[in-house]
C-alpha atoms as a PDB file:
ATOM      1  CA  UNK A   1       0.000   0.000   0.000  1.00  0.00           C
ATOM      2  CA  UNK A   2       3.031   2.270   0.206  1.00  0.00           C
ATOM      3  CA  UNK A   3       2.769   3.215  -3.469  1.00  0.00           C
ATOM      4  CA  UNK A   4      -0.961   3.925  -3.166  1.00  0.00           C
ATOM      5  CA  UNK A   5      -0.357   6.171  -0.163  1.00  0.00           C
ATOM      6  CA  UNK A   6       2.482   7.860  -2.068  1.00  0.00           C
ATOM      7  CA  UNK A   7       0.109   8.495  -4.970  1.00  0.00           C
ATOM      8  CA  UNK A   8      -2.411  10.116  -2.620  1.00  0.00           C
ATOM      9  CA  UNK A   9       0.283  12.293  -1.053  1.00  0.00           C
ATOM     10  CA  UNK A  10       1.546  13.424  -4.474  1.00  0.00           C
ATOM     11  CA  UNK A  11      -1.947  14.212  -5.744  1.00  0.00           C
ATOM     12  CA  UNK A  12      -3.105  16.052  -2.628  1.00  0.00           C
ATOM     13  CA  UNK A  13       0.230  17.878  -2.452  1.00  0.00           C
ATOM     14  CA  UNK A  14      -0.098  18.846  -6.107  1.00  0.00           C
ATOM     15  CA  UNK A  15      -3.583  20.192  -5.421  1.00  0.00           C
ATOM     16  CA  UNK A  16      -2.313  22.256  -2.482  1.00  0.00           C
ATOM     17  CA  UNK A  17       0.604  23.752  -4.412  1.00  0.00           C
ATOM     18  CA  UNK A  18      -1.616  24.444  -7.427  1.00  0.00           C
ATOM     19  CA  UNK A  19      -4.000  26.331  -5.159  1.00  0.00           C
ATOM     20  CA  UNK A  20      -1.148  28.407  -3.741  1.00  0.00           C
ATOM     21  CA  UNK A  21       0.003  29.236  -7.287  1.00  0.00           C
ATOM     22  CA  UNK A  22      -3.484  30.143  -8.486  1.00  0.00           C
ATOM     23  CA  UNK A  23      -2.320  33.647  -9.483  1.00  0.00           C
ATOM     24  CA  UNK A  24       0.407  32.091 -11.651  1.00  0.00           C
ATOM     25  CA  UNK A  25      -1.697  29.955 -13.999  1.00  0.00           C
ATOM     26  CA  UNK A  26       1.087  28.379 -16.038  1.00  0.00           C
ATOM     27  CA  UNK A  27       3.062  27.356 -12.948  1.00  0.00           C
ATOM     28  CA  UNK A  28      -0.107  26.040 -11.315  1.00  0.00           C
ATOM     29  CA  UNK A  29      -0.939  23.997 -14.401  1.00  0.00           C
ATOM     30  CA  UNK A  30       2.607  22.607 -14.572  1.00  0.00           C
ATOM     31  CA  UNK A  31       2.469  21.512 -10.925  1.00  0.00           C
ATOM     32  CA  UNK A  32      -0.968  19.950 -11.372  1.00  0.00           C
ATOM     33  CA  UNK A  33      -0.038  18.028 -14.515  1.00  0.00           C
ATOM     34  CA  UNK A  34       3.225  16.838 -12.940  1.00  0.00           C
ATOM     35  CA  UNK A  35       1.375  15.611  -9.845  1.00  0.00           C
ATOM     36  CA  UNK A  36      -1.155  13.796 -12.016  1.00  0.00           C
ATOM     37  CA  UNK A  37       1.597  12.070 -13.995  1.00  0.00           C
ATOM     38  CA  UNK A  38       3.640  10.948 -10.993  1.00  0.00           C
ATOM     39  CA  UNK A  39       0.554  10.043  -8.977  1.00  0.00           C
ATOM     40  CA  UNK A  40      -0.682   7.900 -11.860  1.00  0.00           C
ATOM     41  CA  UNK A  41       2.675   6.186 -12.270  1.00  0.00           C
ATOM     42  CA  UNK A  42       2.741   5.382  -8.558  1.00  0.00           C
ATOM     43  CA  UNK A  43      -0.812   3.987  -8.684  1.00  0.00           C
ATOM     44  CA  UNK A  44       0.003   1.916 -11.760  1.00  0.00           C
ATOM     45  CA  UNK A  45       3.128   0.539 -10.087  1.00  0.00           C
ATOM     46  CA  UNK A  46       0.998  -0.489  -7.112  1.00  0.00           C
ATOM     47  CA  UNK A  47      -1.717  -2.088  -9.253  1.00  0.00           C
ATOM     48  CA  UNK A  48       0.344  -4.102 -11.736  1.00  0.00           C
ATOM     49  CA  UNK A  49       1.795  -6.664  -9.272  1.00  0.00           C
ATOM     50  CA  UNK A  50      -1.721  -7.431  -7.983  1.00  0.00           C
ATOM     51  CA  UNK A  51      -3.107  -7.713 -11.510  1.00  0.00           C
ATOM     52  CA  UNK A  52      -0.301 -10.066 -12.522  1.00  0.00           C
ATOM     53  CA  UNK A  53      -0.679 -12.036  -9.264  1.00  0.00           C
ATOM     54  CA  UNK A  54       2.989 -11.558  -8.415  1.00  0.00           C
ATOM     55  CA  UNK A  55       2.147 -10.486  -4.871  1.00  0.00           C
ATOM     56  CA  UNK A  56      -0.627 -11.016  -2.358  1.00  0.00           C
ATOM     57  CA  UNK A  57      -3.345  -8.601  -1.362  1.00  0.00           C
ATOM     58  CA  UNK A  58      -2.093  -5.507   0.432  1.00  0.00           C
ATOM     59  CA  UNK A  59      -3.833  -3.534   3.139  1.00  0.00           C
ATOM     60  CA  UNK A  60      -3.208  -0.613   5.441  1.00  0.00           C
ATOM     61  CA  UNK A  61      -4.998   0.677   8.509  1.00  0.00           C
ATOM     62  CA  UNK A  62      -5.202   4.396   9.176  1.00  0.00           C
ATOM     63  CA  UNK A  63      -6.159   5.550  12.663  1.00  0.00           C
ATOM     64  CA  UNK A  64      -8.688   8.388  12.655  1.00  0.00           C
ATOM     65  CA  UNK A  65      -8.055  11.266  15.102  1.00  0.00           C
ATOM     66  CA  UNK A  66     -11.765  11.054  16.003  1.00  0.00           C
ATOM     67  CA  UNK A  67     -14.075   8.454  17.573  1.00  0.00           C
ATOM     68  CA  UNK A  68     -14.717   6.554  14.347  1.00  0.00           C
ATOM     69  CA  UNK A  69     -12.376   3.644  14.966  1.00  0.00           C
ATOM     70  CA  UNK A  70      -9.938   2.870  12.186  1.00  0.00           C
ATOM     71  CA  UNK A  71     -10.209   3.387   8.442  1.00  0.00           C
ATOM     72  CA  UNK A  72      -8.879   0.621   6.254  1.00  0.00           C
ATOM     73  CA  UNK A  73      -7.477   0.560   2.736  1.00  0.00           C
ATOM     74  CA  UNK A  74      -6.938  -2.586   0.704  1.00  0.00           C
ATOM     75  CA  UNK A  75      -5.718  -3.490  -2.762  1.00  0.00           C
ATOM     76  CA  UNK A  76      -6.832  -6.844  -4.156  1.00  0.00           C
ATOM     77  CA  UNK A  77      -7.096  -8.166  -7.692  1.00  0.00           C
ATOM     78  CA  UNK A  78     -10.371  -6.395  -8.476  1.00  0.00           C
ATOM     79  CA  UNK A  79      -9.489  -3.006  -7.012  1.00  0.00           C
ATOM     80  CA  UNK A  80      -6.110  -3.226  -8.764  1.00  0.00           C
ATOM     81  CA  UNK A  81      -7.869  -3.334 -12.140  1.00  0.00           C
ATOM     82  CA  UNK A  82      -9.865  -0.238 -11.262  1.00  0.00           C
ATOM     83  CA  UNK A  83      -6.764   1.520  -9.945  1.00  0.00           C
ATOM     84  CA  UNK A  84      -4.804   0.716 -13.097  1.00  0.00           C
ATOM     85  CA  UNK A  85      -7.678   2.025 -15.243  1.00  0.00           C
ATOM     86  CA  UNK A  86      -7.768   5.256 -13.254  1.00  0.00           C
ATOM     87  CA  UNK A  87      -4.005   5.643 -13.654  1.00  0.00           C
ATOM     88  CA  UNK A  88      -4.020   5.058 -17.419  1.00  0.00           C
ATOM     89  CA  UNK A  89      -6.941   7.410 -18.081  1.00  0.00           C
ATOM     90  CA  UNK A  90      -5.417  10.058 -15.805  1.00  0.00           C
ATOM     91  CA  UNK A  91      -2.102   9.913 -17.664  1.00  0.00           C
ATOM     92  CA  UNK A  92      -3.907  10.573 -20.940  1.00  0.00           C
ATOM     93  CA  UNK A  93      -5.977  13.367 -19.357  1.00  0.00           C
ATOM     94  CA  UNK A  94      -2.863  14.970 -17.855  1.00  0.00           C
ATOM     95  CA  UNK A  95      -1.046  15.060 -21.199  1.00  0.00           C
ATOM     96  CA  UNK A  96      -4.104  16.465 -22.960  1.00  0.00           C
ATOM     97  CA  UNK A  97      -4.774  19.009 -20.198  1.00  0.00           C
ATOM     98  CA  UNK A  98      -1.365  20.616 -20.641  1.00  0.00           C
ATOM     99  CA  UNK A  99      -2.128  21.649 -24.228  1.00  0.00           C
ATOM    100  CA  UNK A 100      -5.846  22.216 -23.630  1.00  0.00           C
ATOM    101  CA  UNK A 101      -5.561  24.530 -20.625  1.00  0.00           C
ATOM    102  CA  UNK A 102      -2.472  26.459 -21.721  1.00  0.00           C
ATOM    103  CA  UNK A 103      -4.770  28.441 -24.007  1.00  0.00           C
ATOM    104  CA  UNK A 104      -6.544  29.704 -20.871  1.00  0.00           C
ATOM    105  CA  UNK A 105      -3.472  30.616 -18.824  1.00  0.00           C
ATOM    106  CA  UNK A 106      -4.593  34.217 -18.845  1.00  0.00           C
ATOM    107  CA  UNK A 107      -7.588  33.273 -16.711  1.00  0.00           C
ATOM    108  CA  UNK A 108      -7.798  32.389 -13.017  1.00  0.00           C
ATOM    109  CA  UNK A 109      -9.745  29.210 -13.807  1.00  0.00           C
ATOM    110  CA  UNK A 110      -6.527  27.358 -14.687  1.00  0.00           C
ATOM    111  CA  UNK A 111      -5.369  27.193 -11.080  1.00  0.00           C
ATOM    112  CA  UNK A 112      -8.785  25.945  -9.974  1.00  0.00           C
ATOM    113  CA  UNK A 113      -8.722  23.355 -12.756  1.00  0.00           C
ATOM    114  CA  UNK A 114      -5.337  21.978 -11.640  1.00  0.00           C
ATOM    115  CA  UNK A 115      -6.324  21.953  -7.975  1.00  0.00           C
ATOM    116  CA  UNK A 116      -9.650  20.184  -8.334  1.00  0.00           C
ATOM    117  CA  UNK A 117      -8.461  17.755 -11.005  1.00  0.00           C
ATOM    118  CA  UNK A 118      -5.730  16.507  -8.649  1.00  0.00           C
ATOM    119  CA  UNK A 119      -8.301  16.226  -5.847  1.00  0.00           C
ATOM    120  CA  UNK A 120     -10.712  14.360  -8.116  1.00  0.00           C
ATOM    121  CA  UNK A 121      -8.114  11.750  -9.045  1.00  0.00           C
ATOM    122  CA  UNK A 122      -7.012  11.400  -5.403  1.00  0.00           C
ATOM    123  CA  UNK A 123     -10.655  10.808  -4.440  1.00  0.00           C
ATOM    124  CA  UNK A 124     -11.015   8.181  -7.167  1.00  0.00           C
ATOM    125  CA  UNK A 125      -7.939   6.364  -5.855  1.00  0.00           C
ATOM    126  CA  UNK A 126      -9.346   6.489  -2.336  1.00  0.00           C
ATOM    127  CA  UNK A 127     -12.759   5.178  -3.424  1.00  0.00           C
ATOM    128  CA  UNK A 128     -11.375   2.070  -5.159  1.00  0.00           C
ATOM    129  CA  UNK A 129      -8.912   1.229  -2.368  1.00  0.00           C
ATOM    130  CA  UNK A 130     -11.159   1.943   0.631  1.00  0.00           C
ATOM    131  CA  UNK A 131     -11.943  -1.179   2.669  1.00  0.00           C
ATOM    132  CA  UNK A 132     -14.201   0.602   5.132  1.00  0.00           C
ATOM    133  CA  UNK A 133     -17.529   2.363   4.569  1.00  0.00           C
ATOM    134  CA  UNK A 134     -16.459   5.508   6.432  1.00  0.00           C
ATOM    135  CA  UNK A 135     -13.308   5.967   4.371  1.00  0.00           C
ATOM    136  CA  UNK A 136     -15.228   5.129   1.195  1.00  0.00           C
ATOM    137  CA  UNK A 137     -17.783   7.855   1.932  1.00  0.00           C
ATOM    138  CA  UNK A 138     -14.987  10.375   2.537  1.00  0.00           C
ATOM    139  CA  UNK A 139     -13.570   9.607  -0.911  1.00  0.00           C
ATOM    140  CA  UNK A 140     -17.070   9.468  -2.434  1.00  0.00           C
ATOM    141  CA  UNK A 141     -17.961  12.933  -1.148  1.00  0.00           C
ATOM    142  CA  UNK A 142     -14.574  14.390  -2.124  1.00  0.00           C
ATOM    143  CA  UNK A 143     -15.066  12.993  -5.628  1.00  0.00           C
ATOM    144  CA  UNK A 144     -18.512  14.589  -5.872  1.00  0.00           C
ATOM    145  CA  UNK A 145     -17.381  18.014  -4.697  1.00  0.00           C
ATOM    146  CA  UNK A 146     -14.252  18.069  -6.878  1.00  0.00           C
ATOM    147  CA  UNK A 147     -16.315  17.099  -9.937  1.00  0.00           C
ATOM    148  CA  UNK A 148     -18.881  19.790  -9.076  1.00  0.00           C
ATOM    149  CA  UNK A 149     -16.239  22.530  -9.113  1.00  0.00           C
ATOM    150  CA  UNK A 150     -14.698  21.168 -12.316  1.00  0.00           C
ATOM    151  CA  UNK A 151     -18.027  20.965 -14.148  1.00  0.00           C
ATOM    152  CA  UNK A 152     -18.746  24.534 -13.019  1.00  0.00           C
ATOM    153  CA  UNK A 153     -15.281  25.811 -13.914  1.00  0.00           C
ATOM    154  CA  UNK A 154     -16.651  28.402 -16.352  1.00  0.00           C
ATOM    155  CA  UNK A 155     -19.341  29.438 -13.886  1.00  0.00           C
ATOM    156  CA  UNK A 156     -19.993  32.822 -15.466  1.00  0.00           C
ATOM    157  CA  UNK A 157     -22.201  31.033 -17.995  1.00  0.00           C
ATOM    158  CA  UNK A 158     -25.714  30.304 -16.736  1.00  0.00           C
ATOM    159  CA  UNK A 159     -25.883  26.894 -18.442  1.00  0.00           C
ATOM    160  CA  UNK A 160     -22.634  25.817 -16.806  1.00  0.00           C
ATOM    161  CA  UNK A 161     -23.895  26.799 -13.351  1.00  0.00           C
ATOM    162  CA  UNK A 162     -27.132  24.925 -13.981  1.00  0.00           C
ATOM    163  CA  UNK A 163     -25.253  21.811 -15.091  1.00  0.00           C
ATOM    164  CA  UNK A 164     -22.946  21.857 -12.068  1.00  0.00           C
ATOM    165  CA  UNK A 165     -25.795  22.243  -9.593  1.00  0.00           C
ATOM    166  CA  UNK A 166     -27.873  19.573 -11.301  1.00  0.00           C
ATOM    167  CA  UNK A 167     -24.923  17.176 -11.004  1.00  0.00           C
ATOM    168  CA  UNK A 168     -24.396  18.020  -7.342  1.00  0.00           C
ATOM    169  CA  UNK A 169     -28.063  17.740  -6.357  1.00  0.00           C
ATOM    170  CA  UNK A 170     -28.702  14.502  -8.284  1.00  0.00           C
ATOM    171  CA  UNK A 171     -25.635  12.708  -6.946  1.00  0.00           C
ATOM    172  CA  UNK A 172     -26.210  13.901  -3.379  1.00  0.00           C
ATOM    173  CA  UNK A 173     -29.811  12.719  -3.481  1.00  0.00           C
ATOM    174  CA  UNK A 174     -28.621   9.308  -4.661  1.00  0.00           C
ATOM    175  CA  UNK A 175     -26.076   9.173  -1.849  1.00  0.00           C
ATOM    176  CA  UNK A 176     -28.362  10.436   0.916  1.00  0.00           C
ATOM    177  CA  UNK A 177     -31.445   8.418  -0.021  1.00  0.00           C
ATOM    178  CA  UNK A 178     -29.785   5.191  -1.176  1.00  0.00           C
ATOM    179  CA  UNK A 179     -26.058   4.752  -0.510  1.00  0.00           C
ATOM    180  CA  UNK A 180     -26.126   5.845   3.145  1.00  0.00           C
ATOM    181  CA  UNK A 181     -29.118   3.587   3.960  1.00  0.00           C
ATOM    182  CA  UNK A 182     -27.320   0.622   2.347  1.00  0.00           C
ATOM    183  CA  UNK A 183     -24.241   1.154   4.493  1.00  0.00           C
ATOM    184  CA  UNK A 184     -26.433   1.799   7.546  1.00  0.00           C
ATOM    185  CA  UNK A 185     -28.343  -1.460   7.113  1.00  0.00           C
ATOM    186  CA  UNK A 186     -25.147  -3.464   6.596  1.00  0.00           C
ATOM    187  CA  UNK A 187     -23.362  -1.764   9.518  1.00  0.00           C
ATOM    188  CA  UNK A 188     -26.256  -2.563  11.885  1.00  0.00           C
ATOM    189  CA  UNK A 189     -26.415  -6.144  10.592  1.00  0.00           C
ATOM    190  CA  UNK A 190     -22.658  -6.769  10.772  1.00  0.00           C
ATOM    191  CA  UNK A 191     -21.772  -4.638  13.794  1.00  0.00           C
ATOM    192  CA  UNK A 192     -18.888  -2.908  11.980  1.00  0.00           C
ATOM    193  CA  UNK A 193     -18.193  -0.786   8.906  1.00  0.00           C
ATOM    194  CA  UNK A 194     -15.482  -2.816   7.164  1.00  0.00           C
ATOM    195  CA  UNK A 195     -16.283  -4.154   3.700  1.00  0.00           C
ATOM    196  CA  UNK A 196     -14.950  -7.589   4.647  1.00  0.00           C
ATOM    197  CA  UNK A 197     -17.567  -7.726   7.404  1.00  0.00           C
ATOM    198  CA  UNK A 198     -20.223  -6.520   4.954  1.00  0.00           C
ATOM    199  CA  UNK A 199     -19.297  -9.323   2.573  1.00  0.00           C
ATOM    200  CA  UNK A 200     -19.580 -11.946   5.289  1.00  0.00           C
ATOM    201  CA  UNK A 201     -22.760 -10.517   6.812  1.00  0.00           C
ATOM    202  CA  UNK A 202     -24.642  -9.908   3.554  1.00  0.00           C
ATOM    203  CA  UNK A 203     -25.121 -13.649   3.095  1.00  0.00           C
ATOM    204  CA  UNK A 204     -27.400 -13.718   6.150  1.00  0.00           C
ATOM    205  CA  UNK A 205     -29.672 -10.883   4.989  1.00  0.00           C
ATOM    206  CA  UNK A 206     -33.295 -11.902   4.699  1.00  0.00           C
ATOM    207  CA  UNK A 207     -35.015 -12.029   1.317  1.00  0.00           C
ATOM    208  CA  UNK A 208     -36.856  -8.720   1.675  1.00  0.00           C
ATOM    209  CA  UNK A 209     -33.876  -6.941   3.241  1.00  0.00           C
ATOM    210  CA  UNK A 210     -31.540  -8.305   0.608  1.00  0.00           C
ATOM    211  CA  UNK A 211     -33.782  -7.084  -2.220  1.00  0.00           C
ATOM    212  CA  UNK A 212     -34.082  -3.669  -0.556  1.00  0.00           C
ATOM    213  CA  UNK A 213     -30.298  -3.349  -0.175  1.00  0.00           C
ATOM    214  CA  UNK A 214     -29.768  -4.367  -3.811  1.00  0.00           C
ATOM    215  CA  UNK A 215     -32.377  -1.879  -5.077  1.00  0.00           C
ATOM    216  CA  UNK A 216     -31.007   0.982  -2.977  1.00  0.00           C
ATOM    217  CA  UNK A 217     -27.438   0.240  -4.094  1.00  0.00           C
ATOM    218  CA  UNK A 218     -28.515   0.085  -7.737  1.00  0.00           C
ATOM    219  CA  UNK A 219     -30.262   3.453  -7.567  1.00  0.00           C
ATOM    220  CA  UNK A 220     -27.635   5.165  -5.388  1.00  0.00           C
ATOM    221  CA  UNK A 221     -24.555   4.079  -7.300  1.00  0.00           C
ATOM    222  CA  UNK A 222     -26.452   4.162 -10.607  1.00  0.00           C
ATOM    223  CA  UNK A 223     -27.273   7.838 -10.100  1.00  0.00           C
ATOM    224  CA  UNK A 224     -23.580   8.653  -9.724  1.00  0.00           C
ATOM    225  CA  UNK A 225     -22.713   6.520 -12.751  1.00  0.00           C
ATOM    226  CA  UNK A 226     -25.480   8.057 -14.853  1.00  0.00           C
ATOM    227  CA  UNK A 227     -27.494   4.873 -15.362  1.00  0.00           C
ATOM    228  CA  UNK A 228     -30.783   5.383 -17.160  1.00  0.00           C
ATOM    229  CA  UNK A 229     -33.259   6.627 -15.902  1.00  0.00           C
ATOM    230  CA  UNK A 230     -31.124   8.244 -13.132  1.00  0.00           C
ATOM    231  CA  UNK A 231     -28.991  10.016 -15.720  1.00  0.00           C
ATOM    232  CA  UNK A 232     -30.698  13.427 -15.548  1.00  0.00           C
ATOM    233  CA  UNK A 233     -27.425  15.223 -14.792  1.00  0.00           C
ATOM    234  CA  UNK A 234     -25.296  13.530 -17.447  1.00  0.00           C
ATOM    235  CA  UNK A 235     -26.534  15.175 -20.698  1.00  0.00           C
ATOM    236  CA  UNK A 236     -26.072  18.673 -19.245  1.00  0.00           C
ATOM    237  CA  UNK A 237     -22.906  18.176 -17.177  1.00  0.00           C
ATOM    238  CA  UNK A 238     -20.661  16.632 -19.820  1.00  0.00           C
ATOM    239  CA  UNK A 239     -21.050  19.385 -22.439  1.00  0.00           C
ATOM    240  CA  UNK A 240     -20.522  22.025 -19.731  1.00  0.00           C
ATOM    241  CA  UNK A 241     -17.367  20.471 -18.278  1.00  0.00           C
ATOM    242  CA  UNK A 242     -13.907  21.106 -19.770  1.00  0.00           C
ATOM    243  CA  UNK A 243     -12.972  18.337 -22.214  1.00  0.00           C
ATOM    244  CA  UNK A 244     -10.373  16.645 -19.929  1.00  0.00           C
ATOM    245  CA  UNK A 245     -12.897  16.567 -17.083  1.00  0.00           C
ATOM    246  CA  UNK A 246     -15.582  15.130 -19.350  1.00  0.00           C
ATOM    247  CA  UNK A 247     -13.155  12.412 -20.438  1.00  0.00           C
ATOM    248  CA  UNK A 248     -12.354  11.494 -16.834  1.00  0.00           C
ATOM    249  CA  UNK A 249     -16.014  11.502 -15.814  1.00  0.00           C
ATOM    250  CA  UNK A 250     -16.885   9.353 -18.823  1.00  0.00           C
ATOM    251  CA  UNK A 251     -14.409   6.744 -17.653  1.00  0.00           C
ATOM    252  CA  UNK A 252     -16.004   6.654 -14.200  1.00  0.00           C
END
């Protein structure tokens, strides 16, 4: 998990430095693109051994400085595939973003673009490696907020603002009404918030409860993914978002 943690540090650090350099757009963009490239390489280096079965599953436990117990991260064969996909798509987006956003270096939006794009990728990495519902929800919410600011990057246009808010409201409704209840039901049933416990405890769910959990998960995660008919945000958000952001959102 060392390489995954290193990727998160690089991406979050790149976001922080990009934010500091917001008044120097070209420098901010360079820092953001560099962080995306090195963060992706680190994630890919972590994922490949798991995909090729040259090493066992890896895990790490992070102690929260609050009464939530411990947050766990894990990298198995399945999450490694997702992590590798994120890394490959991010590399392509980073290369394209350098040429795409350099045309806008005279505008303050470039620094915001670099900052939130790094945060979005860091959140994606956290979501696919989280082994605990609490940590997953932290990454899930960070992903939503970063995407909201990226979709609304050119917020002076009314259609862009509308698209960003529609994305935020739709995905938050899916999370609040469906994803949180799923995790709540499983946490009460299993007595803990780890995904390993969820996996073991889900087998003992009753027929009605099991169907309810499946339906809620389908609607909640389907809203974020843009599944029909929960895709109300997708046709307006993608045209409004900068092209690199649209590409990254399309992949996830």
